[in-house]
Amino acid sequence: MKSAFALVVSVLLLAPFDFAQGTQPTALHNLLTNTASQFPGKAGIWVKHLTSGETAGVRDGEMFNSASVIKIPVLVLAFQMADKGAINLDERSIIRKEDVRGGSGIFRHHDAGLQPTFRDVLLQMVITSDNTATDLAIAKVGGVARVNAWLKASGYAEGQRLTQTIGELFAKYNALKPSDDRDARTNSDKAYWLGEISPHGIGLMIEGIETRSIASKTACDDMLRMMRAQQAGARRLNHFLTVPVAHKTGDFPPVLANDVGVIYARSGPIVVSFLGNAITGNYGEAEDRIGRFAQQLVEYFDR
């Protein structure tokens, strides 16, 4: 339990403000800084209430290990390409044995030869964070370099970057020796990151999906439908909420737990990016802290 003095110091370190100008942190900003200071790891948060425009952030410009949250830019690029006719979402492709990736997802449990539509591939990339689907989607949109070139051209490069494919990342982890510190690599070695994002950068992209400004209305509706069908269970942002949530998680237990999305509060949609890296202690409790924050956030705006 932190002393009152320690808590004040942590808040000031996380959220400096301009005493010369007399600028005081808002109640929303205090909520974020208190949450970040109590999180058992490094937390970056960005929030925007789309109806009122009220926004706040903590470490929101810093780059974090994205884990599977970096799949959101791949999703957006795919739908933009579909809008332009460069991709047919109804086209079916065969998943070969060599296409299958381990980790999260359901495609790896099917027999080789499954023929999903590309829309099905994108759906599984989001709702089960399917790693096989992710590498298929990355290849379909033109590869890692193409995704990053698009992020740069679209103005998102300062807050998002896809580092490599799932296959490339897993090959690096599989090459580690039993004596190697896997968690240390996940925490601090960007060569072992699927991607890197800032809370603000990914938050702006989520906002673009919710406001239907980043792609056609039909495409954005489809992306939000997928995010609302998230199959990660009642954990993190949606854990303690009774209102709908459209979101995408990013996991690497026991040291990384991210969640980004839109909370549909009674007062209006709230875009939330919560990135939790370098977690120490109980992983489930870290996830619960994200959920309690979301609950407090809804209570703050719906008061």
C-alpha atoms as a PDB file:
ATOM      1  CA  MET A   1       0.000   0.000   0.000  1.00  0.00           C
ATOM      2  CA  LYS A   2       1.528   3.338  -1.016  1.00  0.00           C
ATOM      3  CA  SER A   3       1.741   6.185   1.455  1.00  0.00           C
ATOM      4  CA  ALA A   4      -0.111   9.407   0.591  1.00  0.00           C
ATOM      5  CA  PHE A   5       3.239  11.101  -0.035  1.00  0.00           C
ATOM      6  CA  ALA A   6       4.438   8.302  -2.355  1.00  0.00           C
ATOM      7  CA  LEU A   7       1.167   8.436  -4.287  1.00  0.00           C
ATOM      8  CA  VAL A   8       1.450  12.202  -4.773  1.00  0.00           C
ATOM      9  CA  VAL A   9       5.045  11.843  -5.967  1.00  0.00           C
ATOM     10  CA  SER A  10       4.062   9.117  -8.443  1.00  0.00           C
ATOM     11  CA  VAL A  11       1.224  11.221  -9.815  1.00  0.00           C
ATOM     12  CA  LEU A  12       3.517  14.206 -10.301  1.00  0.00           C
ATOM     13  CA  LEU A  13       6.118  12.077 -12.069  1.00  0.00           C
ATOM     14  CA  LEU A  14       3.522  10.542 -14.345  1.00  0.00           C
ATOM     15  CA  ALA A  15       1.640  13.740 -15.096  1.00  0.00           C
ATOM     16  CA  PRO A  16       3.675  16.901 -14.803  1.00  0.00           C
ATOM     17  CA  PHE A  17       1.754  20.150 -15.255  1.00  0.00           C
ATOM     18  CA  ASP A  18       2.771  23.735 -15.789  1.00  0.00           C
ATOM     19  CA  PHE A  19       2.837  25.510 -12.407  1.00  0.00           C
ATOM     20  CA  ALA A  20       4.008  28.726 -14.080  1.00  0.00           C
ATOM     21  CA  GLN A  21       0.853  28.882 -16.099  1.00  0.00           C
ATOM     22  CA  GLY A  22      -1.286  27.712 -13.172  1.00  0.00           C
ATOM     23  CA  THR A  23      -2.579  24.736 -15.157  1.00  0.00           C
ATOM     24  CA  GLN A  24      -4.120  22.174 -12.840  1.00  0.00           C
ATOM     25  CA  PRO A  25      -4.816  18.552 -13.759  1.00  0.00           C
ATOM     26  CA  THR A  26      -8.471  17.741 -14.381  1.00  0.00           C
ATOM     27  CA  ALA A  27     -10.463  15.163 -12.445  1.00  0.00           C
ATOM     28  CA  LEU A  28     -10.210  12.857 -15.452  1.00  0.00           C
ATOM     29  CA  HIS A  29      -6.443  13.284 -15.593  1.00  0.00           C
ATOM     30  CA  ASN A  30      -6.213  12.525 -11.873  1.00  0.00           C
ATOM     31  CA  LEU A  31      -8.177   9.323 -12.442  1.00  0.00           C
ATOM     32  CA  LEU A  32      -5.690   8.247 -15.108  1.00  0.00           C
ATOM     33  CA  THR A  33      -2.590   9.153 -13.108  1.00  0.00           C
ATOM     34  CA  ASN A  34      -3.858   7.404  -9.985  1.00  0.00           C
ATOM     35  CA  THR A  35      -4.655   4.293 -12.024  1.00  0.00           C
ATOM     36  CA  ALA A  36      -1.253   4.284 -13.710  1.00  0.00           C
ATOM     37  CA  SER A  37       0.592   4.796 -10.420  1.00  0.00           C
ATOM     38  CA  GLN A  38      -1.196   1.817  -8.849  1.00  0.00           C
ATOM     39  CA  PHE A  39      -0.818  -0.505 -11.837  1.00  0.00           C
ATOM     40  CA  PRO A  40       1.731  -3.289 -11.149  1.00  0.00           C
ATOM     41  CA  GLY A  41       3.827  -2.478 -14.185  1.00  0.00           C
ATOM     42  CA  LYS A  42       4.279   0.254 -16.775  1.00  0.00           C
ATOM     43  CA  ALA A  43       0.901   1.669 -17.827  1.00  0.00           C
ATOM     44  CA  GLY A  44       0.075   4.031 -20.667  1.00  0.00           C
ATOM     45  CA  ILE A  45      -3.483   5.310 -21.008  1.00  0.00           C
ATOM     46  CA  TRP A  46      -5.363   7.577 -23.376  1.00  0.00           C
ATOM     47  CA  VAL A  47      -9.074   8.398 -23.116  1.00  0.00           C
ATOM     48  CA  LYS A  48     -11.466  10.502 -25.166  1.00  0.00           C
ATOM     49  CA  HIS A  49     -15.186  10.969 -24.605  1.00  0.00           C
ATOM     50  CA  LEU A  50     -16.493  11.495 -28.120  1.00  0.00           C
ATOM     51  CA  THR A  51     -19.658  13.351 -27.137  1.00  0.00           C
ATOM     52  CA  SER A  52     -18.080  15.966 -24.856  1.00  0.00           C
ATOM     53  CA  GLY A  53     -14.606  15.901 -26.398  1.00  0.00           C
ATOM     54  CA  GLU A  54     -12.997  15.590 -22.950  1.00  0.00           C
ATOM     55  CA  THR A  55      -9.664  13.800 -23.176  1.00  0.00           C
ATOM     56  CA  ALA A  56      -6.685  12.894 -21.025  1.00  0.00           C
ATOM     57  CA  GLY A  57      -3.589  10.765 -21.214  1.00  0.00           C
ATOM     58  CA  VAL A  58      -0.736   9.344 -19.165  1.00  0.00           C
ATOM     59  CA  ARG A  59       2.422   8.279 -21.002  1.00  0.00           C
ATOM     60  CA  ASP A  60       0.150   8.448 -24.020  1.00  0.00           C
ATOM     61  CA  GLY A  61       2.954   9.413 -26.401  1.00  0.00           C
ATOM     62  CA  GLU A  62       5.371   6.677 -25.302  1.00  0.00           C
ATOM     63  CA  MET A  63       5.851   3.500 -27.314  1.00  0.00           C
ATOM     64  CA  PHE A  64       4.747   0.208 -25.768  1.00  0.00           C
ATOM     65  CA  ASN A  65       4.940  -3.448 -26.767  1.00  0.00           C
ATOM     66  CA  SER A  66       1.705  -3.789 -28.718  1.00  0.00           C
ATOM     67  CA  ALA A  67       1.293  -7.562 -28.694  1.00  0.00           C
ATOM     68  CA  SER A  68      -1.873  -8.344 -30.679  1.00  0.00           C
ATOM     69  CA  VAL A  69      -3.253  -4.796 -30.573  1.00  0.00           C
ATOM     70  CA  ILE A  70      -1.097  -4.109 -33.664  1.00  0.00           C
ATOM     71  CA  LYS A  71      -3.584  -6.277 -35.552  1.00  0.00           C
ATOM     72  CA  ILE A  72      -5.962  -3.282 -35.588  1.00  0.00           C
ATOM     73  CA  PRO A  73      -3.900  -1.361 -38.207  1.00  0.00           C
ATOM     74  CA  VAL A  74      -3.806  -4.511 -40.358  1.00  0.00           C
ATOM     75  CA  LEU A  75      -7.598  -4.681 -40.072  1.00  0.00           C
ATOM     76  CA  VAL A  76      -8.060  -1.029 -41.029  1.00  0.00           C
ATOM     77  CA  LEU A  77      -5.711  -1.271 -44.021  1.00  0.00           C
ATOM     78  CA  ALA A  78      -7.528  -4.372 -45.265  1.00  0.00           C
ATOM     79  CA  PHE A  79     -10.901  -2.611 -45.146  1.00  0.00           C
ATOM     80  CA  GLN A  80      -9.515   0.490 -46.816  1.00  0.00           C
ATOM     81  CA  MET A  81      -8.200  -1.722 -49.618  1.00  0.00           C
ATOM     82  CA  ALA A  82     -11.581  -3.431 -49.840  1.00  0.00           C
ATOM     83  CA  ASP A  83     -13.247  -0.004 -50.157  1.00  0.00           C
ATOM     84  CA  LYS A  84     -11.002   0.669 -53.167  1.00  0.00           C
ATOM     85  CA  GLY A  85     -11.659  -2.733 -54.738  1.00  0.00           C
ATOM     86  CA  ALA A  86      -8.065  -3.905 -54.218  1.00  0.00           C
ATOM     87  CA  ILE A  87      -9.236  -6.753 -51.978  1.00  0.00           C
ATOM     88  CA  ASN A  88     -12.353  -8.888 -52.200  1.00  0.00           C
ATOM     89  CA  LEU A  89     -13.546  -9.726 -48.702  1.00  0.00           C
ATOM     90  CA  ASP A  90     -15.683 -12.568 -50.044  1.00  0.00           C
ATOM     91  CA  GLU A  91     -12.765 -14.292 -51.777  1.00  0.00           C
ATOM     92  CA  ARG A  92     -11.912 -17.692 -50.307  1.00  0.00           C
ATOM     93  CA  SER A  93      -8.403 -19.033 -49.836  1.00  0.00           C
ATOM     94  CA  ILE A  94      -7.047 -22.370 -48.689  1.00  0.00           C
ATOM     95  CA  ILE A  95      -5.250 -22.568 -45.340  1.00  0.00           C
ATOM     96  CA  ARG A  96      -2.338 -24.933 -45.891  1.00  0.00           C
ATOM     97  CA  LYS A  97      -0.439 -26.784 -43.196  1.00  0.00           C
ATOM     98  CA  GLU A  98       2.513 -24.403 -43.598  1.00  0.00           C
ATOM     99  CA  ASP A  99       0.211 -21.403 -43.011  1.00  0.00           C
ATOM    100  CA  VAL A 100      -0.708 -22.500 -39.493  1.00  0.00           C
ATOM    101  CA  ARG A 101       0.723 -20.575 -36.531  1.00  0.00           C
ATOM    102  CA  GLY A 102       0.691 -21.532 -32.867  1.00  0.00           C
ATOM    103  CA  GLY A 103      -0.643 -19.522 -29.974  1.00  0.00           C
ATOM    104  CA  SER A 104      -4.055 -17.905 -29.994  1.00  0.00           C
ATOM    105  CA  GLY A 105      -6.828 -18.640 -32.466  1.00  0.00           C
ATOM    106  CA  ILE A 106      -8.930 -21.502 -33.789  1.00  0.00           C
ATOM    107  CA  PHE A 107      -7.672 -22.052 -37.349  1.00  0.00           C
ATOM    108  CA  ARG A 108      -4.779 -24.166 -36.012  1.00  0.00           C
ATOM    109  CA  HIS A 109      -7.315 -26.668 -34.657  1.00  0.00           C
ATOM    110  CA  HIS A 110      -8.884 -27.321 -38.093  1.00  0.00           C
ATOM    111  CA  ASP A 111      -7.734 -29.800 -40.699  1.00  0.00           C
ATOM    112  CA  ALA A 112      -5.554 -28.386 -43.462  1.00  0.00           C
ATOM    113  CA  GLY A 113      -7.585 -27.222 -46.444  1.00  0.00           C
ATOM    114  CA  LEU A 114     -10.096 -24.993 -44.665  1.00  0.00           C
ATOM    115  CA  GLN A 115     -11.348 -22.305 -47.090  1.00  0.00           C
ATOM    116  CA  PRO A 116     -12.523 -19.207 -45.192  1.00  0.00           C
ATOM    117  CA  THR A 117     -13.406 -15.943 -46.865  1.00  0.00           C
ATOM    118  CA  PHE A 118     -10.972 -13.097 -46.262  1.00  0.00           C
ATOM    119  CA  ARG A 119     -13.671 -11.463 -44.124  1.00  0.00           C
ATOM    120  CA  ASP A 120     -13.638 -14.645 -41.990  1.00  0.00           C
ATOM    121  CA  VAL A 121      -9.861 -14.350 -41.702  1.00  0.00           C
ATOM    122  CA  LEU A 122     -10.128 -10.750 -40.472  1.00  0.00           C
ATOM    123  CA  LEU A 123     -12.931 -11.701 -38.082  1.00  0.00           C
ATOM    124  CA  GLN A 124     -10.812 -14.402 -36.441  1.00  0.00           C
ATOM    125  CA  MET A 125      -7.801 -12.082 -36.300  1.00  0.00           C
ATOM    126  CA  VAL A 126      -9.936  -9.807 -34.108  1.00  0.00           C
ATOM    127  CA  ILE A 127     -12.298 -11.959 -32.051  1.00  0.00           C
ATOM    128  CA  THR A 128      -9.927 -14.848 -31.212  1.00  0.00           C
ATOM    129  CA  SER A 129      -6.701 -12.955 -32.023  1.00  0.00           C
ATOM    130  CA  ASP A 130      -5.958 -15.814 -34.414  1.00  0.00           C
ATOM    131  CA  ASN A 131      -2.251 -15.873 -35.282  1.00  0.00           C
ATOM    132  CA  THR A 132      -2.725 -17.931 -38.441  1.00  0.00           C
ATOM    133  CA  ALA A 133      -5.304 -15.404 -39.612  1.00  0.00           C
ATOM    134  CA  THR A 134      -2.958 -12.548 -38.741  1.00  0.00           C
ATOM    135  CA  ASP A 135      -0.115 -13.717 -40.950  1.00  0.00           C
ATOM    136  CA  LEU A 136      -2.568 -14.479 -43.757  1.00  0.00           C
ATOM    137  CA  ALA A 137      -3.956 -10.941 -43.435  1.00  0.00           C
ATOM    138  CA  ILE A 138      -0.515  -9.315 -43.332  1.00  0.00           C
ATOM    139  CA  ALA A 139       0.450 -11.166 -46.501  1.00  0.00           C
ATOM    140  CA  LYS A 140      -2.833 -10.228 -48.202  1.00  0.00           C
ATOM    141  CA  VAL A 141      -2.397  -6.485 -47.593  1.00  0.00           C
ATOM    142  CA  GLY A 142       1.175  -6.550 -48.919  1.00  0.00           C
ATOM    143  CA  GLY A 143       3.436  -7.493 -46.010  1.00  0.00           C
ATOM    144  CA  VAL A 144       5.049  -5.767 -43.046  1.00  0.00           C
ATOM    145  CA  ALA A 145       6.740  -3.044 -45.104  1.00  0.00           C
ATOM    146  CA  ARG A 146       3.448  -2.223 -46.838  1.00  0.00           C
ATOM    147  CA  VAL A 147       1.632  -1.875 -43.504  1.00  0.00           C
ATOM    148  CA  ASN A 148       4.307   0.484 -42.175  1.00  0.00           C
ATOM    149  CA  ALA A 149       4.379   2.528 -45.373  1.00  0.00           C
ATOM    150  CA  TRP A 150       0.612   2.941 -45.102  1.00  0.00           C
ATOM    151  CA  LEU A 151       0.893   3.962 -41.432  1.00  0.00           C
ATOM    152  CA  LYS A 152       3.424   6.623 -42.425  1.00  0.00           C
ATOM    153  CA  ALA A 153       1.360   7.892 -45.351  1.00  0.00           C
ATOM    154  CA  SER A 154      -1.751   8.020 -43.160  1.00  0.00           C
ATOM    155  CA  GLY A 155      -0.051   9.953 -40.366  1.00  0.00           C
ATOM    156  CA  TYR A 156      -0.039   7.153 -37.809  1.00  0.00           C
ATOM    157  CA  ALA A 157       3.658   6.202 -37.983  1.00  0.00           C
ATOM    158  CA  GLU A 158       4.653   8.156 -34.867  1.00  0.00           C
ATOM    159  CA  GLY A 159       2.386   6.000 -32.745  1.00  0.00           C
ATOM    160  CA  GLN A 160       2.305   2.615 -34.458  1.00  0.00           C
ATOM    161  CA  ARG A 161       4.686   0.195 -36.191  1.00  0.00           C
ATOM    162  CA  LEU A 162       4.390  -3.453 -37.180  1.00  0.00           C
ATOM    163  CA  THR A 163       7.767  -5.039 -36.410  1.00  0.00           C
ATOM    164  CA  GLN A 164       7.369  -8.484 -38.002  1.00  0.00           C
ATOM    165  CA  THR A 165       4.993 -11.338 -38.753  1.00  0.00           C
ATOM    166  CA  ILE A 166       3.813 -13.837 -36.167  1.00  0.00           C
ATOM    167  CA  GLY A 167       5.910 -16.534 -37.842  1.00  0.00           C
ATOM    168  CA  GLU A 168       9.057 -14.423 -37.597  1.00  0.00           C
ATOM    169  CA  LEU A 169       8.370 -13.513 -33.962  1.00  0.00           C
ATOM    170  CA  PHE A 170       7.706 -17.096 -32.886  1.00  0.00           C
ATOM    171  CA  ALA A 171      10.863 -18.285 -34.642  1.00  0.00           C
ATOM    172  CA  LYS A 172      12.883 -15.912 -32.442  1.00  0.00           C
ATOM    173  CA  TYR A 173      11.209 -17.093 -29.250  1.00  0.00           C
ATOM    174  CA  ASN A 174      11.609 -20.737 -30.257  1.00  0.00           C
ATOM    175  CA  ALA A 175      15.322 -20.181 -30.770  1.00  0.00           C
ATOM    176  CA  LEU A 176      15.817 -19.015 -27.160  1.00  0.00           C
ATOM    177  CA  LYS A 177      17.672 -21.322 -24.796  1.00  0.00           C
ATOM    178  CA  PRO A 178      15.990 -22.557 -21.584  1.00  0.00           C
ATOM    179  CA  SER A 179      18.371 -20.314 -19.633  1.00  0.00           C
ATOM    180  CA  ASP A 180      17.354 -17.195 -21.590  1.00  0.00           C
ATOM    181  CA  ASP A 181      15.022 -14.748 -19.876  1.00  0.00           C
ATOM    182  CA  ARG A 182      11.953 -14.776 -22.120  1.00  0.00           C
ATOM    183  CA  ASP A 183      10.091 -12.155 -20.082  1.00  0.00           C
ATOM    184  CA  ALA A 184      13.029  -9.749 -20.216  1.00  0.00           C
ATOM    185  CA  ARG A 185      13.004 -10.016 -24.020  1.00  0.00           C
ATOM    186  CA  THR A 186       9.265  -9.309 -24.069  1.00  0.00           C
ATOM    187  CA  ASN A 187       9.673  -6.297 -21.793  1.00  0.00           C
ATOM    188  CA  SER A 188      12.611  -4.499 -23.334  1.00  0.00           C
ATOM    189  CA  ASP A 189      13.945  -6.037 -26.545  1.00  0.00           C
ATOM    190  CA  LYS A 190      11.980  -4.652 -29.509  1.00  0.00           C
ATOM    191  CA  ALA A 191      13.323  -7.479 -31.705  1.00  0.00           C
ATOM    192  CA  TYR A 192      10.894  -9.663 -29.739  1.00  0.00           C
ATOM    193  CA  TRP A 193       7.884  -7.378 -30.216  1.00  0.00           C
ATOM    194  CA  LEU A 194       5.177  -8.030 -32.793  1.00  0.00           C
ATOM    195  CA  GLY A 195       4.739  -4.284 -32.978  1.00  0.00           C
ATOM    196  CA  GLU A 196       4.943  -1.058 -31.031  1.00  0.00           C
ATOM    197  CA  ILE A 197       2.223   1.482 -30.367  1.00  0.00           C
ATOM    198  CA  SER A 198       1.486   4.525 -28.250  1.00  0.00           C
ATOM    199  CA  PRO A 199      -1.813   4.871 -26.366  1.00  0.00           C
ATOM    200  CA  HIS A 200      -2.557   8.076 -28.278  1.00  0.00           C
ATOM    201  CA  GLY A 201      -1.626   6.654 -31.682  1.00  0.00           C
ATOM    202  CA  ILE A 202      -3.814   3.572 -31.462  1.00  0.00           C
ATOM    203  CA  GLY A 203      -6.524   5.611 -29.737  1.00  0.00           C
ATOM    204  CA  LEU A 204      -6.769   7.953 -32.717  1.00  0.00           C
ATOM    205  CA  MET A 205      -7.196   4.961 -35.010  1.00  0.00           C
ATOM    206  CA  ILE A 206      -9.971   3.542 -32.822  1.00  0.00           C
ATOM    207  CA  GLU A 207     -11.605   6.971 -32.835  1.00  0.00           C
ATOM    208  CA  GLY A 208     -11.452   6.985 -36.638  1.00  0.00           C
ATOM    209  CA  ILE A 209     -13.255   3.644 -36.750  1.00  0.00           C
ATOM    210  CA  GLU A 210     -15.960   4.762 -34.301  1.00  0.00           C
ATOM    211  CA  THR A 211     -16.559   8.093 -36.085  1.00  0.00           C
ATOM    212  CA  ARG A 212     -16.621   6.295 -39.470  1.00  0.00           C
ATOM    213  CA  SER A 213     -13.905   8.618 -40.795  1.00  0.00           C
ATOM    214  CA  ILE A 214     -11.054   6.164 -41.381  1.00  0.00           C
ATOM    215  CA  ALA A 215     -12.885   4.076 -43.983  1.00  0.00           C
ATOM    216  CA  SER A 216     -16.366   3.834 -45.493  1.00  0.00           C
ATOM    217  CA  LYS A 217     -19.318   3.654 -43.107  1.00  0.00           C
ATOM    218  CA  THR A 218     -19.957   0.064 -44.172  1.00  0.00           C
ATOM    219  CA  ALA A 219     -16.333  -0.880 -43.516  1.00  0.00           C
ATOM    220  CA  CYS A 220     -16.270   0.825 -40.121  1.00  0.00           C
ATOM    221  CA  ASP A 221     -19.569  -0.793 -39.146  1.00  0.00           C
ATOM    222  CA  ASP A 222     -18.057  -4.167 -40.051  1.00  0.00           C
ATOM    223  CA  MET A 223     -14.894  -3.517 -38.032  1.00  0.00           C
ATOM    224  CA  LEU A 224     -16.905  -2.453 -34.983  1.00  0.00           C
ATOM    225  CA  ARG A 225     -19.140  -5.507 -35.354  1.00  0.00           C
ATOM    226  CA  MET A 226     -16.016  -7.650 -35.173  1.00  0.00           C
ATOM    227  CA  MET A 227     -14.629  -5.792 -32.167  1.00  0.00           C
ATOM    228  CA  ARG A 228     -17.953  -6.078 -30.343  1.00  0.00           C
ATOM    229  CA  ALA A 229     -17.881  -9.843 -30.972  1.00  0.00           C
ATOM    230  CA  GLN A 230     -14.570 -10.124 -29.055  1.00  0.00           C
ATOM    231  CA  GLN A 231     -14.211 -13.634 -27.589  1.00  0.00           C
ATOM    232  CA  ALA A 232     -11.542 -12.876 -24.976  1.00  0.00           C
ATOM    233  CA  GLY A 233     -14.147 -13.174 -22.227  1.00  0.00           C
ATOM    234  CA  ALA A 234     -15.138 -10.835 -19.412  1.00  0.00           C
ATOM    235  CA  ARG A 235     -11.703  -9.449 -18.652  1.00  0.00           C
ATOM    236  CA  ARG A 236      -9.946  -6.078 -18.737  1.00  0.00           C
ATOM    237  CA  LEU A 237     -12.052  -3.246 -20.208  1.00  0.00           C
ATOM    238  CA  ASN A 238     -15.353  -5.140 -20.214  1.00  0.00           C
ATOM    239  CA  HIS A 239     -14.880  -7.095 -16.988  1.00  0.00           C
ATOM    240  CA  PHE A 240     -17.066  -5.047 -14.636  1.00  0.00           C
ATOM    241  CA  LEU A 241     -19.195  -3.199 -17.175  1.00  0.00           C
ATOM    242  CA  THR A 242     -22.849  -3.638 -18.072  1.00  0.00           C
ATOM    243  CA  VAL A 243     -22.614  -1.472 -21.215  1.00  0.00           C
ATOM    244  CA  PRO A 244     -21.348  -2.730 -24.604  1.00  0.00           C
ATOM    245  CA  VAL A 245     -17.638  -2.643 -25.436  1.00  0.00           C
ATOM    246  CA  ALA A 246     -15.952  -2.998 -28.841  1.00  0.00           C
ATOM    247  CA  HIS A 247     -12.322  -3.854 -28.199  1.00  0.00           C
ATOM    248  CA  LYS A 248      -9.118  -5.706 -29.044  1.00  0.00           C
ATOM    249  CA  THR A 249      -6.841  -7.256 -26.462  1.00  0.00           C
ATOM    250  CA  GLY A 250      -3.118  -7.911 -26.640  1.00  0.00           C
ATOM    251  CA  ASP A 251      -1.633 -10.600 -24.392  1.00  0.00           C
ATOM    252  CA  PHE A 252       1.763 -11.934 -23.445  1.00  0.00           C
ATOM    253  CA  PRO A 253       1.403 -13.452 -19.949  1.00  0.00           C
ATOM    254  CA  PRO A 254       2.757 -12.947 -17.392  1.00  0.00           C
ATOM    255  CA  VAL A 255       4.192  -9.537 -18.318  1.00  0.00           C
ATOM    256  CA  LEU A 256       1.908  -7.835 -20.836  1.00  0.00           C
ATOM    257  CA  ALA A 257      -1.832  -7.061 -20.881  1.00  0.00           C
ATOM    258  CA  ASN A 258      -3.240  -4.474 -23.309  1.00  0.00           C
ATOM    259  CA  ASP A 259      -6.786  -3.554 -24.220  1.00  0.00           C
ATOM    260  CA  VAL A 260      -8.063  -0.834 -26.567  1.00  0.00           C
ATOM    261  CA  GLY A 261     -11.509  -0.016 -27.847  1.00  0.00           C
ATOM    262  CA  VAL A 262     -14.769   1.867 -27.415  1.00  0.00           C
ATOM    263  CA  ILE A 263     -16.978   1.759 -24.327  1.00  0.00           C
ATOM    264  CA  TYR A 264     -20.591   2.645 -25.159  1.00  0.00           C
ATOM    265  CA  ALA A 265     -21.512   4.547 -22.009  1.00  0.00           C
ATOM    266  CA  ARG A 266     -24.924   6.152 -21.597  1.00  0.00           C
ATOM    267  CA  SER A 267     -23.302   9.578 -21.964  1.00  0.00           C
ATOM    268  CA  GLY A 268     -21.678   8.616 -25.269  1.00  0.00           C
ATOM    269  CA  PRO A 269     -18.833   6.518 -26.707  1.00  0.00           C
ATOM    270  CA  ILE A 270     -15.532   6.547 -24.810  1.00  0.00           C
ATOM    271  CA  VAL A 271     -12.372   5.655 -26.711  1.00  0.00           C
ATOM    272  CA  VAL A 272      -9.908   3.951 -24.364  1.00  0.00           C
ATOM    273  CA  SER A 273      -6.334   2.759 -24.868  1.00  0.00           C
ATOM    274  CA  PHE A 274      -4.862   0.940 -21.886  1.00  0.00           C
ATOM    275  CA  LEU A 275      -1.398  -0.544 -22.430  1.00  0.00           C
ATOM    276  CA  GLY A 276       0.110  -2.528 -19.561  1.00  0.00           C
ATOM    277  CA  ASN A 277       3.716  -3.663 -20.019  1.00  0.00           C
ATOM    278  CA  ALA A 278       6.399  -5.089 -17.690  1.00  0.00           C
ATOM    279  CA  ILE A 279       3.806  -6.470 -15.266  1.00  0.00           C
ATOM    280  CA  THR A 280       5.007  -7.847 -11.943  1.00  0.00           C
ATOM    281  CA  GLY A 281       2.955  -9.837  -9.476  1.00  0.00           C
ATOM    282  CA  ASN A 282      -0.359 -11.538 -10.168  1.00  0.00           C
ATOM    283  CA  TYR A 283      -1.400 -11.285 -13.823  1.00  0.00           C
ATOM    284  CA  GLY A 284      -5.120 -11.647 -13.092  1.00  0.00           C
ATOM    285  CA  GLU A 285      -4.998  -8.777 -10.624  1.00  0.00           C
ATOM    286  CA  ALA A 286      -3.325  -6.591 -13.239  1.00  0.00           C
ATOM    287  CA  GLU A 287      -6.169  -7.410 -15.645  1.00  0.00           C
ATOM    288  CA  ASP A 288      -8.701  -6.590 -12.925  1.00  0.00           C
ATOM    289  CA  ARG A 289      -7.122  -3.168 -12.436  1.00  0.00           C
ATOM    290  CA  ILE A 290      -7.813  -2.405 -16.090  1.00  0.00           C
ATOM    291  CA  GLY A 291     -11.411  -3.488 -15.575  1.00  0.00           C
ATOM    292  CA  ARG A 292     -11.843  -1.397 -12.441  1.00  0.00           C
ATOM    293  CA  PHE A 293     -10.418   1.597 -14.286  1.00  0.00           C
ATOM    294  CA  ALA A 294     -12.996   1.143 -17.056  1.00  0.00           C
ATOM    295  CA  GLN A 295     -15.734   0.949 -14.427  1.00  0.00           C
ATOM    296  CA  GLN A 296     -14.534   4.174 -12.787  1.00  0.00           C
ATOM    297  CA  LEU A 297     -14.280   5.822 -16.188  1.00  0.00           C
ATOM    298  CA  VAL A 298     -17.903   5.036 -17.050  1.00  0.00           C
ATOM    299  CA  GLU A 299     -19.017   6.248 -13.624  1.00  0.00           C
ATOM    300  CA  TYR A 300     -17.074   9.477 -14.160  1.00  0.00           C
ATOM    301  CA  PHE A 301     -18.704  10.283 -17.512  1.00  0.00           C
ATOM    302  CA  ASP A 302     -22.177   8.971 -16.655  1.00  0.00           C
ATOM    303  CA  ARG A 303     -22.373  10.786 -13.309  1.00  0.00           C
END
